[in-house]
Amino acid sequence: MPDRRGRRPSPARLIAPIALLICAVAFAFVVLSSPALDGDDTGGASTTERTTTNQPTQTERQQGRRRRTYVVKTGDTLGAIAEQTGVSVERLLVLNPELDPQALVAGQRLRLRE
């Protein structure tokens, strides 16, 4: 049916609102079916739980005691190095007087033992 100017209306005028409605329904479906709203805080994971530990094994602890140096990796902090090697931050600073804890460089070697 032509409008006042004699042109036929664009089919996009009808398709656009329908597409918007379909998107809104799809969004509502995704949000309402998410596991967070079901009181399930596992994030959709299976019911089998997997437990991992970051605790070093006895062999790793013994190797850590024998190491004399530590090579700094990207993202390392002095606290993390101390925890990983079993050497206190204060002891690391005494053994490495030139060390700037705020400016660790990847590849830098730190003394762990005398």
PDB file of N, CA and C in Angstrom:
ATOM      1  N   MET A   1       0.847  -1.170   0.000  1.00  0.00           N
ATOM      2  CA  MET A   1       0.000   0.000   0.000  1.00  0.00           C
ATOM      3  C   MET A   1       0.891   1.231   0.000  1.00  0.00           C
ATOM      4  N   PRO A   2       0.797   2.089  -0.966  1.00  0.00           N
ATOM      5  CA  PRO A   2       1.641   3.270  -1.092  1.00  0.00           C
ATOM      6  C   PRO A   2       1.341   4.286  -0.002  1.00  0.00           C
ATOM      7  N   ASP A   3       2.392   5.052   0.398  1.00  0.00           N
ATOM      8  CA  ASP A   3       2.192   6.106   1.378  1.00  0.00           C
ATOM      9  C   ASP A   3       1.735   7.375   0.679  1.00  0.00           C
ATOM     10  N   ARG A   4       1.702   8.510   1.398  1.00  0.00           N
ATOM     11  CA  ARG A   4       1.205   9.766   0.835  1.00  0.00           C
ATOM     12  C   ARG A   4       2.019  10.237  -0.348  1.00  0.00           C
ATOM     13  N   ARG A   5       3.293   9.892  -0.375  1.00  0.00           N
ATOM     14  CA  ARG A   5       4.159  10.361  -1.466  1.00  0.00           C
ATOM     15  C   ARG A   5       4.125   9.398  -2.646  1.00  0.00           C
ATOM     16  N   GLY A   6       3.403   8.311  -2.551  1.00  0.00           N
ATOM     17  CA  GLY A   6       3.297   7.384  -3.650  1.00  0.00           C
ATOM     18  C   GLY A   6       4.346   6.280  -3.613  1.00  0.00           C
ATOM     19  N   ARG A   7       5.130   6.215  -2.522  1.00  0.00           N
ATOM     20  CA  ARG A   7       6.143   5.161  -2.413  1.00  0.00           C
ATOM     21  C   ARG A   7       5.598   4.028  -1.565  1.00  0.00           C
ATOM     22  N   ARG A   8       6.113   2.830  -1.843  1.00  0.00           N
ATOM     23  CA  ARG A   8       5.745   1.677  -1.029  1.00  0.00           C
ATOM     24  C   ARG A   8       6.613   1.676   0.220  1.00  0.00           C
ATOM     25  N   PRO A   9       6.093   1.311   1.394  1.00  0.00           N
ATOM     26  CA  PRO A   9       6.903   1.273   2.610  1.00  0.00           C
ATOM     27  C   PRO A   9       7.982   0.186   2.501  1.00  0.00           C
ATOM     28  N   SER A  10       9.113   0.482   3.085  1.00  0.00           N
ATOM     29  CA  SER A  10      10.240  -0.445   3.059  1.00  0.00           C
ATOM     30  C   SER A  10       9.943  -1.666   3.926  1.00  0.00           C
ATOM     31  N   PRO A  11      10.322  -2.848   3.461  1.00  0.00           N
ATOM     32  CA  PRO A  11      10.100  -4.033   4.297  1.00  0.00           C
ATOM     33  C   PRO A  11      10.937  -3.997   5.587  1.00  0.00           C
ATOM     34  N   ALA A  12      11.991  -3.193   5.616  1.00  0.00           N
ATOM     35  CA  ALA A  12      12.821  -3.083   6.810  1.00  0.00           C
ATOM     36  C   ALA A  12      12.035  -2.482   7.969  1.00  0.00           C
ATOM     37  N   ARG A  13      11.009  -1.664   7.671  1.00  0.00           N
ATOM     38  CA  ARG A  13      10.198  -1.080   8.734  1.00  0.00           C
ATOM     39  C   ARG A  13       9.424  -2.143   9.495  1.00  0.00           C
ATOM     40  N   LEU A  14       9.142  -3.244   8.867  1.00  0.00           N
ATOM     41  CA  LEU A  14       8.457  -4.339   9.531  1.00  0.00           C
ATOM     42  C   LEU A  14       9.464  -5.340  10.108  1.00  0.00           C
ATOM     43  N   ILE A  15      10.546  -5.604   9.403  1.00  0.00           N
ATOM     44  CA  ILE A  15      11.533  -6.607   9.816  1.00  0.00           C
ATOM     45  C   ILE A  15      12.335  -6.138  11.040  1.00  0.00           C
ATOM     46  N   ALA A  16      12.697  -4.871  11.119  1.00  0.00           N
ATOM     47  CA  ALA A  16      13.523  -4.370  12.223  1.00  0.00           C
ATOM     48  C   ALA A  16      12.871  -4.583  13.589  1.00  0.00           C
ATOM     49  N   PRO A  17      11.603  -4.216  13.796  1.00  0.00           N
ATOM     50  CA  PRO A  17      11.003  -4.473  15.115  1.00  0.00           C
ATOM     51  C   PRO A  17      10.884  -5.962  15.434  1.00  0.00           C
ATOM     52  N   ILE A  18      10.642  -6.779  14.428  1.00  0.00           N
ATOM     53  CA  ILE A  18      10.551  -8.221  14.656  1.00  0.00           C
ATOM     54  C   ILE A  18      11.916  -8.777  15.075  1.00  0.00           C
ATOM     55  N   ALA A  19      12.982  -8.338  14.410  1.00  0.00           N
ATOM     56  CA  ALA A  19      14.330  -8.775  14.763  1.00  0.00           C
ATOM     57  C   ALA A  19      14.684  -8.328  16.183  1.00  0.00           C
ATOM     58  N   LEU A  20      14.309  -7.121  16.543  1.00  0.00           N
ATOM     59  CA  LEU A  20      14.573  -6.622  17.889  1.00  0.00           C
ATOM     60  C   LEU A  20      13.830  -7.464  18.929  1.00  0.00           C
ATOM     61  N   LEU A  21      12.605  -7.820  18.647  1.00  0.00           N
ATOM     62  CA  LEU A  21      11.822  -8.650  19.554  1.00  0.00           C
ATOM     63  C   LEU A  21      12.451 -10.037  19.699  1.00  0.00           C
ATOM     64  N   ILE A  22      12.913 -10.615  18.602  1.00  0.00           N
ATOM     65  CA  ILE A  22      13.558 -11.933  18.653  1.00  0.00           C
ATOM     66  C   ILE A  22      14.834 -11.872  19.490  1.00  0.00           C
ATOM     67  N   CYS A  23      15.621 -10.812  19.321  1.00  0.00           N
ATOM     68  CA  CYS A  23      16.849 -10.658  20.115  1.00  0.00           C
ATOM     69  C   CYS A  23      16.540 -10.512  21.600  1.00  0.00           C
ATOM     70  N   ALA A  24      15.506  -9.761  21.927  1.00  0.00           N
ATOM     71  CA  ALA A  24      15.135  -9.568  23.326  1.00  0.00           C
ATOM     72  C   ALA A  24      14.685 -10.887  23.948  1.00  0.00           C
ATOM     73  N   VAL A  25      13.925 -11.672  23.217  1.00  0.00           N
ATOM     74  CA  VAL A  25      13.460 -12.967  23.722  1.00  0.00           C
ATOM     75  C   VAL A  25      14.655 -13.904  23.911  1.00  0.00           C
ATOM     76  N   ALA A  26      15.575 -13.930  22.956  1.00  0.00           N
ATOM     77  CA  ALA A  26      16.761 -14.791  23.064  1.00  0.00           C
ATOM     78  C   ALA A  26      17.616 -14.379  24.264  1.00  0.00           C
ATOM     79  N   PHE A  27      17.799 -13.087  24.465  1.00  0.00           N
ATOM     80  CA  PHE A  27      18.586 -12.594  25.603  1.00  0.00           C
ATOM     81  C   PHE A  27      17.926 -12.997  26.919  1.00  0.00           C
ATOM     82  N   ALA A  28      16.624 -12.825  27.013  1.00  0.00           N
ATOM     83  CA  ALA A  28      15.903 -13.195  28.233  1.00  0.00           C
ATOM     84  C   ALA A  28      16.023 -14.689  28.486  1.00  0.00           C
ATOM     85  N   PHE A  29      15.959 -15.499  27.444  1.00  0.00           N
ATOM     86  CA  PHE A  29      16.102 -16.946  27.596  1.00  0.00           C
ATOM     87  C   PHE A  29      17.479 -17.312  28.144  1.00  0.00           C
ATOM     88  N   VAL A  30      18.524 -16.703  27.608  1.00  0.00           N
ATOM     89  CA  VAL A  30      19.889 -16.995  28.061  1.00  0.00           C
ATOM     90  C   VAL A  30      20.068 -16.570  29.518  1.00  0.00           C
ATOM     91  N   VAL A  31      19.595 -15.397  29.860  1.00  0.00           N
ATOM     92  CA  VAL A  31      19.752 -14.900  31.222  1.00  0.00           C
ATOM     93  C   VAL A  31      18.967 -15.757  32.204  1.00  0.00           C
ATOM     94  N   LEU A  32      17.752 -16.096  31.876  1.00  0.00           N
ATOM     95  CA  LEU A  32      16.920 -16.866  32.797  1.00  0.00           C
ATOM     96  C   LEU A  32      17.359 -18.318  32.916  1.00  0.00           C
ATOM     97  N   SER A  33      18.046 -18.849  31.926  1.00  0.00           N
ATOM     98  CA  SER A  33      18.492 -20.240  32.007  1.00  0.00           C
ATOM     99  C   SER A  33      19.916 -20.366  32.525  1.00  0.00           C
ATOM    100  N   SER A  34      20.540 -19.248  32.917  1.00  0.00           N
ATOM    101  CA  SER A  34      21.905 -19.316  33.440  1.00  0.00           C
ATOM    102  C   SER A  34      21.902 -19.990  34.795  1.00  0.00           C
ATOM    103  N   PRO A  35      22.965 -20.745  35.114  1.00  0.00           N
ATOM    104  CA  PRO A  35      23.003 -21.468  36.385  1.00  0.00           C
ATOM    105  C   PRO A  35      23.133 -20.563  37.604  1.00  0.00           C
ATOM    106  N   ALA A  36      23.566 -19.334  37.439  1.00  0.00           N
ATOM    107  CA  ALA A  36      23.719 -18.432  38.576  1.00  0.00           C
ATOM    108  C   ALA A  36      22.381 -18.121  39.224  1.00  0.00           C
ATOM    109  N   LEU A  37      21.323 -18.108  38.465  1.00  0.00           N
ATOM    110  CA  LEU A  37      20.004 -17.817  39.013  1.00  0.00           C
ATOM    111  C   LEU A  37      19.352 -19.038  39.645  1.00  0.00           C
ATOM    112  N   ASP A  38      19.861 -20.214  39.354  1.00  0.00           N
ATOM    113  CA  ASP A  38      19.306 -21.438  39.906  1.00  0.00           C
ATOM    114  C   ASP A  38      19.844 -21.735  41.291  1.00  0.00           C
ATOM    115  N   GLY A  39      20.708 -20.866  41.828  1.00  0.00           N
ATOM    116  CA  GLY A  39      21.325 -21.131  43.109  1.00  0.00           C
ATOM    117  C   GLY A  39      22.488 -22.096  42.978  1.00  0.00           C
ATOM    118  N   ASP A  40      22.862 -22.422  41.762  1.00  0.00           N
ATOM    119  CA  ASP A  40      23.969 -23.333  41.493  1.00  0.00           C
ATOM    120  C   ASP A  40      25.209 -22.500  41.257  1.00  0.00           C
ATOM    121  N   ASP A  41      26.093 -22.431  42.241  1.00  0.00           N
ATOM    122  CA  ASP A  41      27.271 -21.584  42.106  1.00  0.00           C
ATOM    123  C   ASP A  41      28.461 -22.321  41.520  1.00  0.00           C
ATOM    124  N   THR A  42      28.231 -23.488  40.924  1.00  0.00           N
ATOM    125  CA  THR A  42      29.334 -24.215  40.315  1.00  0.00           C
ATOM    126  C   THR A  42      29.614 -23.719  38.911  1.00  0.00           C
ATOM    127  N   GLY A  43      28.774 -22.846  38.382  1.00  0.00           N
ATOM    128  CA  GLY A  43      29.010 -22.302  37.055  1.00  0.00           C
ATOM    129  C   GLY A  43      28.757 -23.325  35.965  1.00  0.00           C
ATOM    130  N   GLY A  44      27.881 -24.301  36.217  1.00  0.00           N
ATOM    131  CA  GLY A  44      27.553 -25.279  35.205  1.00  0.00           C
ATOM    132  C   GLY A  44      28.545 -26.425  35.155  1.00  0.00           C
ATOM    133  N   ALA A  45      29.453 -26.513  36.101  1.00  0.00           N
ATOM    134  CA  ALA A  45      30.423 -27.596  36.108  1.00  0.00           C
ATOM    135  C   ALA A  45      29.738 -28.890  36.506  1.00  0.00           C
ATOM    136  N   SER A  46      30.359 -29.981  36.181  1.00  0.00           N
ATOM    137  CA  SER A  46      29.779 -31.262  36.533  1.00  0.00           C
ATOM    138  C   SER A  46      29.801 -31.437  38.044  1.00  0.00           C
ATOM    139  N   THR A  47      29.053 -32.424  38.514  1.00  0.00           N
ATOM    140  CA  THR A  47      28.966 -32.619  39.952  1.00  0.00           C
ATOM    141  C   THR A  47      30.227 -33.236  40.530  1.00  0.00           C
ATOM    142  N   THR A  48      31.073 -33.792  39.691  1.00  0.00           N
ATOM    143  CA  THR A  48      32.331 -34.341  40.173  1.00  0.00           C
ATOM    144  C   THR A  48      33.278 -33.199  40.464  1.00  0.00           C
ATOM    145  N   GLU A  49      33.770 -33.157  41.700  1.00  0.00           N
ATOM    146  CA  GLU A  49      34.674 -32.082  42.070  1.00  0.00           C
ATOM    147  C   GLU A  49      36.104 -32.531  41.874  1.00  0.00           C
ATOM    148  N   ARG A  50      36.913 -31.620  41.377  1.00  0.00           N
ATOM    149  CA  ARG A  50      38.326 -31.896  41.195  1.00  0.00           C
ATOM    150  C   ARG A  50      39.086 -31.020  42.175  1.00  0.00           C
ATOM    151  N   THR A  51      39.924 -31.637  42.967  1.00  0.00           N
ATOM    152  CA  THR A  51      40.688 -30.900  43.955  1.00  0.00           C
ATOM    153  C   THR A  51      42.145 -30.857  43.527  1.00  0.00           C
ATOM    154  N   THR A  52      42.686 -29.650  43.493  1.00  0.00           N
ATOM    155  CA  THR A  52      44.104 -29.511  43.200  1.00  0.00           C
ATOM    156  C   THR A  52      44.731 -28.709  44.320  1.00  0.00           C
ATOM    157  N   THR A  53      45.982 -28.959  44.542  1.00  0.00           N
ATOM    158  CA  THR A  53      46.680 -28.213  45.575  1.00  0.00           C
ATOM    159  C   THR A  53      47.883 -27.536  44.965  1.00  0.00           C
ATOM    160  N   ASN A  54      48.224 -26.414  45.528  1.00  0.00           N
ATOM    161  CA  ASN A  54      49.421 -25.694  45.111  1.00  0.00           C
ATOM    162  C   ASN A  54      50.560 -25.951  46.075  1.00  0.00           C
ATOM    163  N   GLN A  55      50.345 -26.863  47.008  1.00  0.00           N
ATOM    164  CA  GLN A  55      51.366 -27.168  47.980  1.00  0.00           C
ATOM    165  C   GLN A  55      52.463 -27.995  47.309  1.00  0.00           C
ATOM    166  N   PRO A  56      53.706 -27.628  47.545  1.00  0.00           N
ATOM    167  CA  PRO A  56      54.789 -28.407  46.941  1.00  0.00           C
ATOM    168  C   PRO A  56      54.882 -29.784  47.586  1.00  0.00           C
ATOM    169  N   THR A  57      55.295 -30.753  46.779  1.00  0.00           N
ATOM    170  CA  THR A  57      55.476 -32.093  47.307  1.00  0.00           C
ATOM    171  C   THR A  57      56.748 -32.129  48.139  1.00  0.00           C
ATOM    172  N   GLN A  58      56.958 -33.228  48.845  1.00  0.00           N
ATOM    173  CA  GLN A  58      58.140 -33.335  49.696  1.00  0.00           C
ATOM    174  C   GLN A  58      59.411 -33.266  48.853  1.00  0.00           C
ATOM    175  N   THR A  59      59.396 -33.879  47.664  1.00  0.00           N
ATOM    176  CA  THR A  59      60.571 -33.842  46.790  1.00  0.00           C
ATOM    177  C   THR A  59      60.858 -32.415  46.349  1.00  0.00           C
ATOM    178  N   GLU A  60      59.805 -31.671  45.991  1.00  0.00           N
ATOM    179  CA  GLU A  60      60.008 -30.278  45.576  1.00  0.00           C
ATOM    180  C   GLU A  60      60.560 -29.446  46.727  1.00  0.00           C
ATOM    181  N   ARG A  61      60.079 -29.703  47.947  1.00  0.00           N
ATOM    182  CA  ARG A  61      60.589 -28.950  49.099  1.00  0.00           C
ATOM    183  C   ARG A  61      62.062 -29.252  49.328  1.00  0.00           C
ATOM    184  N   GLN A  62      62.447 -30.527  49.177  1.00  0.00           N
ATOM    185  CA  GLN A  62      63.849 -30.885  49.369  1.00  0.00           C
ATOM    186  C   GLN A  62      64.714 -30.250  48.296  1.00  0.00           C
ATOM    187  N   GLN A  63      64.225 -30.237  47.050  1.00  0.00           N
ATOM    188  CA  GLN A  63      64.976 -29.599  45.976  1.00  0.00           C
ATOM    189  C   GLN A  63      65.088 -28.110  46.229  1.00  0.00           C
ATOM    190  N   GLY A  64      64.013 -27.495  46.765  1.00  0.00           N
ATOM    191  CA  GLY A  64      64.033 -26.068  47.068  1.00  0.00           C
ATOM    192  C   GLY A  64      65.060 -25.747  48.136  1.00  0.00           C
ATOM    193  N   ARG A  65      65.248 -26.650  49.066  1.00  0.00           N
ATOM    194  CA  ARG A  65      66.230 -26.431  50.124  1.00  0.00           C
ATOM    195  C   ARG A  65      67.655 -26.505  49.583  1.00  0.00           C
ATOM    196  N   ARG A  66      67.858 -27.283  48.539  1.00  0.00           N
ATOM    197  CA  ARG A  66      69.200 -27.463  47.997  1.00  0.00           C
ATOM    198  C   ARG A  66      69.573 -26.375  46.990  1.00  0.00           C
ATOM    199  N   ARG A  67      68.596 -25.734  46.413  1.00  0.00           N
ATOM    200  CA  ARG A  67      68.914 -24.726  45.400  1.00  0.00           C
ATOM    201  C   ARG A  67      69.649 -23.555  46.024  1.00  0.00           C
ATOM    202  N   ARG A  68      70.611 -23.041  45.303  1.00  0.00           N
ATOM    203  CA  ARG A  68      71.373 -21.899  45.782  1.00  0.00           C
ATOM    204  C   ARG A  68      70.923 -20.599  45.129  1.00  0.00           C
ATOM    205  N   THR A  69      70.317 -20.696  43.952  1.00  0.00           N
ATOM    206  CA  THR A  69      69.844 -19.492  43.259  1.00  0.00           C
ATOM    207  C   THR A  69      68.433 -19.722  42.735  1.00  0.00           C
ATOM    208  N   TYR A  70      67.794 -18.632  42.441  1.00  0.00           N
ATOM    209  CA  TYR A  70      66.460 -18.656  41.837  1.00  0.00           C
ATOM    210  C   TYR A  70      66.480 -17.700  40.662  1.00  0.00           C
ATOM    211  N   VAL A  71      65.973 -18.124  39.520  1.00  0.00           N
ATOM    212  CA  VAL A  71      65.887 -17.264  38.346  1.00  0.00           C
ATOM    213  C   VAL A  71      64.495 -16.646  38.308  1.00  0.00           C
ATOM    214  N   VAL A  72      64.443 -15.323  38.329  1.00  0.00           N
ATOM    215  CA  VAL A  72      63.181 -14.589  38.345  1.00  0.00           C
ATOM    216  C   VAL A  72      62.438 -14.808  37.034  1.00  0.00           C
ATOM    217  N   LYS A  73      61.129 -15.075  37.153  1.00  0.00           N
ATOM    218  CA  LYS A  73      60.276 -15.235  35.972  1.00  0.00           C
ATOM    219  C   LYS A  73      59.367 -14.012  35.853  1.00  0.00           C
ATOM    220  N   THR A  74      58.822 -13.808  34.679  1.00  0.00           N
ATOM    221  CA  THR A  74      57.908 -12.689  34.458  1.00  0.00           C
ATOM    222  C   THR A  74      56.728 -12.799  35.421  1.00  0.00           C
ATOM    223  N   GLY A  75      56.426 -11.715  36.105  1.00  0.00           N
ATOM    224  CA  GLY A  75      55.296 -11.672  37.029  1.00  0.00           C
ATOM    225  C   GLY A  75      55.639 -12.071  38.450  1.00  0.00           C
ATOM    226  N   ASP A  76      56.876 -12.505  38.686  1.00  0.00           N
ATOM    227  CA  ASP A  76      57.276 -12.874  40.048  1.00  0.00           C
ATOM    228  C   ASP A  76      57.319 -11.654  40.962  1.00  0.00           C
ATOM    229  N   THR A  77      56.988 -11.882  42.214  1.00  0.00           N
ATOM    230  CA  THR A  77      57.159 -10.864  43.248  1.00  0.00           C
ATOM    231  C   THR A  77      58.083 -11.455  44.303  1.00  0.00           C
ATOM    232  N   LEU A  78      58.678 -10.603  45.093  1.00  0.00           N
ATOM    233  CA  LEU A  78      59.602 -11.076  46.114  1.00  0.00           C
ATOM    234  C   LEU A  78      58.866 -11.960  47.129  1.00  0.00           C
ATOM    235  N   GLY A  79      57.647 -11.597  47.467  1.00  0.00           N
ATOM    236  CA  GLY A  79      56.861 -12.406  48.394  1.00  0.00           C
ATOM    237  C   GLY A  79      56.557 -13.791  47.837  1.00  0.00           C
ATOM    238  N   ALA A  80      56.204 -13.846  46.556  1.00  0.00           N
ATOM    239  CA  ALA A  80      55.911 -15.132  45.923  1.00  0.00           C
ATOM    240  C   ALA A  80      57.168 -15.996  45.837  1.00  0.00           C
ATOM    241  N   ILE A  81      58.301 -15.372  45.540  1.00  0.00           N
ATOM    242  CA  ILE A  81      59.565 -16.109  45.487  1.00  0.00           C
ATOM    243  C   ILE A  81      59.899 -16.649  46.868  1.00  0.00           C
ATOM    244  N   ALA A  82      59.718 -15.829  47.892  1.00  0.00           N
ATOM    245  CA  ALA A  82      59.996 -16.258  49.261  1.00  0.00           C
ATOM    246  C   ALA A  82      59.120 -17.444  49.637  1.00  0.00           C
ATOM    247  N   GLU A  83      57.848 -17.378  49.295  1.00  0.00           N
ATOM    248  CA  GLU A  83      56.926 -18.466  49.614  1.00  0.00           C
ATOM    249  C   GLU A  83      57.292 -19.735  48.850  1.00  0.00           C
ATOM    250  N   GLN A  84      57.641 -19.576  47.593  1.00  0.00           N
ATOM    251  CA  GLN A  84      57.950 -20.726  46.750  1.00  0.00           C
ATOM    252  C   GLN A  84      59.255 -21.407  47.162  1.00  0.00           C
ATOM    253  N   THR A  85      60.243 -20.633  47.564  1.00  0.00           N
ATOM    254  CA  THR A  85      61.553 -21.196  47.886  1.00  0.00           C
ATOM    255  C   THR A  85      61.723 -21.509  49.362  1.00  0.00           C
ATOM    256  N   GLY A  86      60.861 -20.973  50.210  1.00  0.00           N
ATOM    257  CA  GLY A  86      60.981 -21.214  51.635  1.00  0.00           C
ATOM    258  C   GLY A  86      62.014 -20.317  52.307  1.00  0.00           C
ATOM    259  N   VAL A  87      62.447 -19.274  51.608  1.00  0.00           N
ATOM    260  CA  VAL A  87      63.404 -18.309  52.157  1.00  0.00           C
ATOM    261  C   VAL A  87      62.638 -17.019  52.423  1.00  0.00           C
ATOM    262  N   SER A  88      62.792 -16.456  53.608  1.00  0.00           N
ATOM    263  CA  SER A  88      62.022 -15.255  53.944  1.00  0.00           C
ATOM    264  C   SER A  88      62.442 -14.072  53.077  1.00  0.00           C
ATOM    265  N   VAL A  89      61.535 -13.104  52.958  1.00  0.00           N
ATOM    266  CA  VAL A  89      61.817 -11.893  52.186  1.00  0.00           C
ATOM    267  C   VAL A  89      63.016 -11.170  52.781  1.00  0.00           C
ATOM    268  N   GLU A  90      63.065 -11.097  54.091  1.00  0.00           N
ATOM    269  CA  GLU A  90      64.182 -10.413  54.746  1.00  0.00           C
ATOM    270  C   GLU A  90      65.507 -11.083  54.417  1.00  0.00           C
ATOM    271  N   ARG A  91      65.505 -12.422  54.421  1.00  0.00           N
ATOM    272  CA  ARG A  91      66.730 -13.170  54.110  1.00  0.00           C
ATOM    273  C   ARG A  91      67.133 -12.958  52.652  1.00  0.00           C
ATOM    274  N   LEU A  92      66.164 -12.919  51.749  1.00  0.00           N
ATOM    275  CA  LEU A  92      66.469 -12.650  50.342  1.00  0.00           C
ATOM    276  C   LEU A  92      67.123 -11.275  50.178  1.00  0.00           C
ATOM    277  N   LEU A  93      66.627 -10.295  50.931  1.00  0.00           N
ATOM    278  CA  LEU A  93      67.191  -8.948  50.843  1.00  0.00           C
ATOM    279  C   LEU A  93      68.607  -8.899  51.418  1.00  0.00           C
ATOM    280  N   VAL A  94      68.876  -9.672  52.477  1.00  0.00           N
ATOM    281  CA  VAL A  94      70.218  -9.717  53.056  1.00  0.00           C
ATOM    282  C   VAL A  94      71.191 -10.391  52.085  1.00  0.00           C
ATOM    283  N   LEU A  95      70.755 -11.489  51.465  1.00  0.00           N
ATOM    284  CA  LEU A  95      71.622 -12.229  50.546  1.00  0.00           C
ATOM    285  C   LEU A  95      71.831 -11.502  49.226  1.00  0.00           C
ATOM    286  N   ASN A  96      70.912 -10.623  48.873  1.00  0.00           N
ATOM    287  CA  ASN A  96      70.967  -9.894  47.596  1.00  0.00           C
ATOM    288  C   ASN A  96      70.859  -8.401  47.871  1.00  0.00           C
ATOM    289  N   PRO A  97      71.940  -7.787  48.375  1.00  0.00           N
ATOM    290  CA  PRO A  97      71.858  -6.373  48.764  1.00  0.00           C
ATOM    291  C   PRO A  97      71.581  -5.434  47.593  1.00  0.00           C
ATOM    292  N   GLU A  98      71.910  -5.828  46.386  1.00  0.00           N
ATOM    293  CA  GLU A  98      71.691  -4.969  45.224  1.00  0.00           C
ATOM    294  C   GLU A  98      70.258  -5.072  44.698  1.00  0.00           C
ATOM    295  N   LEU A  99      69.456  -5.919  45.307  1.00  0.00           N
ATOM    296  CA  LEU A  99      68.110  -6.212  44.837  1.00  0.00           C
ATOM    297  C   LEU A  99      67.138  -5.080  45.153  1.00  0.00           C
ATOM    298  N   ASP A 100      66.394  -4.660  44.131  1.00  0.00           N
ATOM    299  CA  ASP A 100      65.302  -3.706  44.313  1.00  0.00           C
ATOM    300  C   ASP A 100      63.999  -4.502  44.219  1.00  0.00           C
ATOM    301  N   PRO A 101      63.297  -4.725  45.326  1.00  0.00           N
ATOM    302  CA  PRO A 101      62.099  -5.565  45.310  1.00  0.00           C
ATOM    303  C   PRO A 101      61.008  -5.061  44.363  1.00  0.00           C
ATOM    304  N   GLN A 102      61.009  -3.782  44.073  1.00  0.00           N
ATOM    305  CA  GLN A 102      59.987  -3.218  43.188  1.00  0.00           C
ATOM    306  C   GLN A 102      60.362  -3.319  41.718  1.00  0.00           C
ATOM    307  N   ALA A 103      61.589  -3.730  41.424  1.00  0.00           N
ATOM    308  CA  ALA A 103      62.042  -3.763  40.029  1.00  0.00           C
ATOM    309  C   ALA A 103      62.717  -5.093  39.707  1.00  0.00           C
ATOM    310  N   LEU A 104      62.004  -6.196  39.950  1.00  0.00           N
ATOM    311  CA  LEU A 104      62.548  -7.501  39.593  1.00  0.00           C
ATOM    312  C   LEU A 104      62.512  -7.651  38.079  1.00  0.00           C
ATOM    313  N   VAL A 105      63.569  -8.236  37.523  1.00  0.00           N
ATOM    314  CA  VAL A 105      63.687  -8.388  36.077  1.00  0.00           C
ATOM    315  C   VAL A 105      63.712  -9.878  35.748  1.00  0.00           C
ATOM    316  N   ALA A 106      62.918 -10.288  34.776  1.00  0.00           N
ATOM    317  CA  ALA A 106      62.904 -11.690  34.362  1.00  0.00           C
ATOM    318  C   ALA A 106      64.311 -12.085  33.932  1.00  0.00           C
ATOM    319  N   GLY A 107      64.758 -13.241  34.424  1.00  0.00           N
ATOM    320  CA  GLY A 107      66.093 -13.721  34.108  1.00  0.00           C
ATOM    321  C   GLY A 107      67.114 -13.380  35.183  1.00  0.00           C
ATOM    322  N   GLN A 108      66.783 -12.476  36.070  1.00  0.00           N
ATOM    323  CA  GLN A 108      67.675 -12.077  37.154  1.00  0.00           C
ATOM    324  C   GLN A 108      67.841 -13.241  38.121  1.00  0.00           C
ATOM    325  N   ARG A 109      69.086 -13.465  38.594  1.00  0.00           N
ATOM    326  CA  ARG A 109      69.358 -14.559  39.537  1.00  0.00           C
ATOM    327  C   ARG A 109      69.418 -14.015  40.957  1.00  0.00           C
ATOM    328  N   LEU A 110      68.697 -14.695  41.842  1.00  0.00           N
ATOM    329  CA  LEU A 110      68.699 -14.326  43.252  1.00  0.00           C
ATOM    330  C   LEU A 110      69.382 -15.430  44.054  1.00  0.00           C
ATOM    331  N   ARG A 111      70.248 -15.028  44.955  1.00  0.00           N
ATOM    332  CA  ARG A 111      70.898 -16.001  45.845  1.00  0.00           C
ATOM    333  C   ARG A 111      69.893 -16.422  46.904  1.00  0.00           C
ATOM    334  N   LEU A 112      69.835 -17.722  47.179  1.00  0.00           N
ATOM    335  CA  LEU A 112      68.939 -18.257  48.197  1.00  0.00           C
ATOM    336  C   LEU A 112      69.714 -18.752  49.413  1.00  0.00           C
ATOM    337  N   ARG A 113      70.968 -19.078  49.208  1.00  0.00           N
ATOM    338  CA  ARG A 113      71.821 -19.615  50.273  1.00  0.00           C
ATOM    339  C   ARG A 113      73.178 -18.933  50.208  1.00  0.00           C
ATOM    340  N   GLU A 114      73.914 -19.010  51.313  1.00  0.00           N
ATOM    341  CA  GLU A 114      75.263 -18.465  51.322  1.00  0.00           C
ATOM    342  C   GLU A 114      76.238 -19.469  50.800  1.00  0.00           C
TER     343      GLU A 114
END
